[in-house]
């Protein structure tokens, strides 16, 4: 026997969403979308030396290889933010948090 109640049918959409949450697929898709959007927004030169992380309370964490890349991103921050907002409107990105660290 199943533990479902008779007459109660869950939609496929609901079941799929629940499965994605349980398996962590939604986070993987979000991280992949952020990285792809970052590559476009930052441009090839900066993207080669940085990695997009998670969005927390509207702030995208970006790991960079060195302080020079961090400074270059800071100079272009308004343009980069606009591009990210256009590409990922559901993420509500309003700021960048740039950290120097290992990106490999």
C-alpha atoms as a PDB file:
ATOM      1  CA  UNK A   1       0.000   0.000   0.000  1.00  0.00           C
ATOM      2  CA  UNK A   2       1.060   3.564  -0.519  1.00  0.00           C
ATOM      3  CA  UNK A   3       0.902   6.392   1.979  1.00  0.00           C
ATOM      4  CA  UNK A   4      -0.949   8.687  -0.456  1.00  0.00           C
ATOM      5  CA  UNK A   5      -4.420   9.758   0.426  1.00  0.00           C
ATOM      6  CA  UNK A   6      -7.150   8.600  -1.969  1.00  0.00           C
ATOM      7  CA  UNK A   7      -8.324  11.342  -4.308  1.00  0.00           C
ATOM      8  CA  UNK A   8      -5.213  13.485  -3.781  1.00  0.00           C
ATOM      9  CA  UNK A   9      -3.157  13.794  -6.934  1.00  0.00           C
ATOM     10  CA  UNK A  10       0.083  15.753  -7.060  1.00  0.00           C
ATOM     11  CA  UNK A  11       0.914  17.453 -10.330  1.00  0.00           C
ATOM     12  CA  UNK A  12       3.916  16.341 -12.346  1.00  0.00           C
ATOM     13  CA  UNK A  13       5.309  19.865 -12.045  1.00  0.00           C
ATOM     14  CA  UNK A  14       5.115  19.664  -8.251  1.00  0.00           C
ATOM     15  CA  UNK A  15       6.635  16.209  -8.154  1.00  0.00           C
ATOM     16  CA  UNK A  16       9.492  17.248 -10.447  1.00  0.00           C
ATOM     17  CA  UNK A  17      10.216  20.380  -8.409  1.00  0.00           C
ATOM     18  CA  UNK A  18      10.251  18.335  -5.211  1.00  0.00           C
ATOM     19  CA  UNK A  19      12.629  15.788  -6.744  1.00  0.00           C
ATOM     20  CA  UNK A  20      14.975  18.533  -7.962  1.00  0.00           C
ATOM     21  CA  UNK A  21      15.143  20.027  -4.482  1.00  0.00           C
ATOM     22  CA  UNK A  22      15.771  16.644  -2.863  1.00  0.00           C
ATOM     23  CA  UNK A  23      18.563  15.776  -5.279  1.00  0.00           C
ATOM     24  CA  UNK A  24      20.141  19.251  -5.354  1.00  0.00           C
ATOM     25  CA  UNK A  25      19.700  19.702  -9.115  1.00  0.00           C
ATOM     26  CA  UNK A  26      18.251  23.191  -8.734  1.00  0.00           C
ATOM     27  CA  UNK A  27      21.447  24.446  -7.089  1.00  0.00           C
ATOM     28  CA  UNK A  28      23.587  22.940  -9.849  1.00  0.00           C
ATOM     29  CA  UNK A  29      21.447  24.574 -12.522  1.00  0.00           C
ATOM     30  CA  UNK A  30      21.612  27.917 -10.702  1.00  0.00           C
ATOM     31  CA  UNK A  31      25.405  27.741 -10.349  1.00  0.00           C
ATOM     32  CA  UNK A  32      25.772  26.853 -14.016  1.00  0.00           C
ATOM     33  CA  UNK A  33      23.474  29.707 -15.063  1.00  0.00           C
ATOM     34  CA  UNK A  34      25.433  32.168 -12.889  1.00  0.00           C
ATOM     35  CA  UNK A  35      28.746  31.047 -14.369  1.00  0.00           C
ATOM     36  CA  UNK A  36      27.484  31.342 -17.941  1.00  0.00           C
ATOM     37  CA  UNK A  37      26.029  34.793 -17.263  1.00  0.00           C
ATOM     38  CA  UNK A  38      29.251  35.838 -15.526  1.00  0.00           C
ATOM     39  CA  UNK A  39      31.338  34.781 -18.523  1.00  0.00           C
ATOM     40  CA  UNK A  40      29.229  37.007 -20.780  1.00  0.00           C
ATOM     41  CA  UNK A  41      29.008  39.951 -18.347  1.00  0.00           C
ATOM     42  CA  UNK A  42      32.690  40.005 -17.390  1.00  0.00           C
ATOM     43  CA  UNK A  43      34.018  39.321 -20.848  1.00  0.00           C
ATOM     44  CA  UNK A  44      36.530  36.732 -21.934  1.00  0.00           C
ATOM     45  CA  UNK A  45      39.580  38.393 -20.363  1.00  0.00           C
ATOM     46  CA  UNK A  46      38.151  38.796 -16.845  1.00  0.00           C
ATOM     47  CA  UNK A  47      36.144  35.553 -16.933  1.00  0.00           C
ATOM     48  CA  UNK A  48      39.345  33.610 -17.617  1.00  0.00           C
ATOM     49  CA  UNK A  49      40.637  34.693 -14.190  1.00  0.00           C
ATOM     50  CA  UNK A  50      37.456  34.475 -12.131  1.00  0.00           C
ATOM     51  CA  UNK A  51      34.632  32.162 -11.111  1.00  0.00           C
ATOM     52  CA  UNK A  52      31.058  33.058 -10.197  1.00  0.00           C
ATOM     53  CA  UNK A  53      29.713  31.570  -7.006  1.00  0.00           C
ATOM     54  CA  UNK A  54      26.321  31.699  -5.322  1.00  0.00           C
ATOM     55  CA  UNK A  55      23.874  34.569  -5.064  1.00  0.00           C
ATOM     56  CA  UNK A  56      23.030  35.388  -1.453  1.00  0.00           C
ATOM     57  CA  UNK A  57      20.569  38.186  -0.664  1.00  0.00           C
ATOM     58  CA  UNK A  58      21.155  39.745  -4.072  1.00  0.00           C
ATOM     59  CA  UNK A  59      24.950  39.588  -3.932  1.00  0.00           C
ATOM     60  CA  UNK A  60      26.893  37.399  -6.361  1.00  0.00           C
ATOM     61  CA  UNK A  61      30.128  36.038  -4.923  1.00  0.00           C
ATOM     62  CA  UNK A  62      32.988  36.145  -7.424  1.00  0.00           C
ATOM     63  CA  UNK A  63      36.334  34.482  -6.780  1.00  0.00           C
ATOM     64  CA  UNK A  64      39.243  36.092  -8.623  1.00  0.00           C
ATOM     65  CA  UNK A  65      42.838  35.005  -9.178  1.00  0.00           C
ATOM     66  CA  UNK A  66      44.477  38.208  -7.919  1.00  0.00           C
ATOM     67  CA  UNK A  67      43.909  41.777  -6.777  1.00  0.00           C
ATOM     68  CA  UNK A  68      44.506  43.194 -10.264  1.00  0.00           C
ATOM     69  CA  UNK A  69      41.501  41.261 -11.608  1.00  0.00           C
ATOM     70  CA  UNK A  70      39.496  42.374  -8.577  1.00  0.00           C
ATOM     71  CA  UNK A  71      40.287  46.009  -9.320  1.00  0.00           C
ATOM     72  CA  UNK A  72      39.458  45.613 -13.016  1.00  0.00           C
ATOM     73  CA  UNK A  73      36.058  44.126 -12.103  1.00  0.00           C
ATOM     74  CA  UNK A  74      35.433  46.971  -9.649  1.00  0.00           C
ATOM     75  CA  UNK A  75      36.020  49.530 -12.418  1.00  0.00           C
ATOM     76  CA  UNK A  76      33.451  47.767 -14.633  1.00  0.00           C
ATOM     77  CA  UNK A  77      31.001  46.876 -11.868  1.00  0.00           C
ATOM     78  CA  UNK A  78      27.990  48.931 -13.090  1.00  0.00           C
ATOM     79  CA  UNK A  79      28.241  47.474 -16.613  1.00  0.00           C
ATOM     80  CA  UNK A  80      28.736  43.935 -15.298  1.00  0.00           C
ATOM     81  CA  UNK A  81      25.798  44.231 -12.888  1.00  0.00           C
ATOM     82  CA  UNK A  82      23.511  45.491 -15.657  1.00  0.00           C
ATOM     83  CA  UNK A  83      24.451  42.533 -17.856  1.00  0.00           C
ATOM     84  CA  UNK A  84      23.889  40.050 -15.018  1.00  0.00           C
ATOM     85  CA  UNK A  85      20.514  41.608 -14.194  1.00  0.00           C
ATOM     86  CA  UNK A  86      19.469  41.389 -17.850  1.00  0.00           C
ATOM     87  CA  UNK A  87      20.567  37.748 -18.156  1.00  0.00           C
ATOM     88  CA  UNK A  88      19.333  36.522 -14.742  1.00  0.00           C
ATOM     89  CA  UNK A  89      16.293  38.637 -13.808  1.00  0.00           C
ATOM     90  CA  UNK A  90      14.970  36.021 -11.349  1.00  0.00           C
ATOM     91  CA  UNK A  91      18.190  36.120  -9.302  1.00  0.00           C
ATOM     92  CA  UNK A  92      17.732  39.791  -8.284  1.00  0.00           C
ATOM     93  CA  UNK A  93      21.476  40.491  -8.376  1.00  0.00           C
ATOM     94  CA  UNK A  94      22.173  43.965  -6.988  1.00  0.00           C
ATOM     95  CA  UNK A  95      25.828  43.700  -5.931  1.00  0.00           C
ATOM     96  CA  UNK A  96      29.071  41.780  -6.360  1.00  0.00           C
ATOM     97  CA  UNK A  97      31.292  40.483  -3.577  1.00  0.00           C
ATOM     98  CA  UNK A  98      34.768  39.940  -4.951  1.00  0.00           C
ATOM     99  CA  UNK A  99      37.217  37.671  -3.132  1.00  0.00           C
ATOM    100  CA  UNK A 100      40.779  36.861  -4.091  1.00  0.00           C
ATOM    101  CA  UNK A 101      41.508  33.151  -3.938  1.00  0.00           C
ATOM    102  CA  UNK A 102      42.133  29.956  -5.862  1.00  0.00           C
ATOM    103  CA  UNK A 103      39.973  29.578  -8.920  1.00  0.00           C
ATOM    104  CA  UNK A 104      41.111  26.195 -10.270  1.00  0.00           C
END
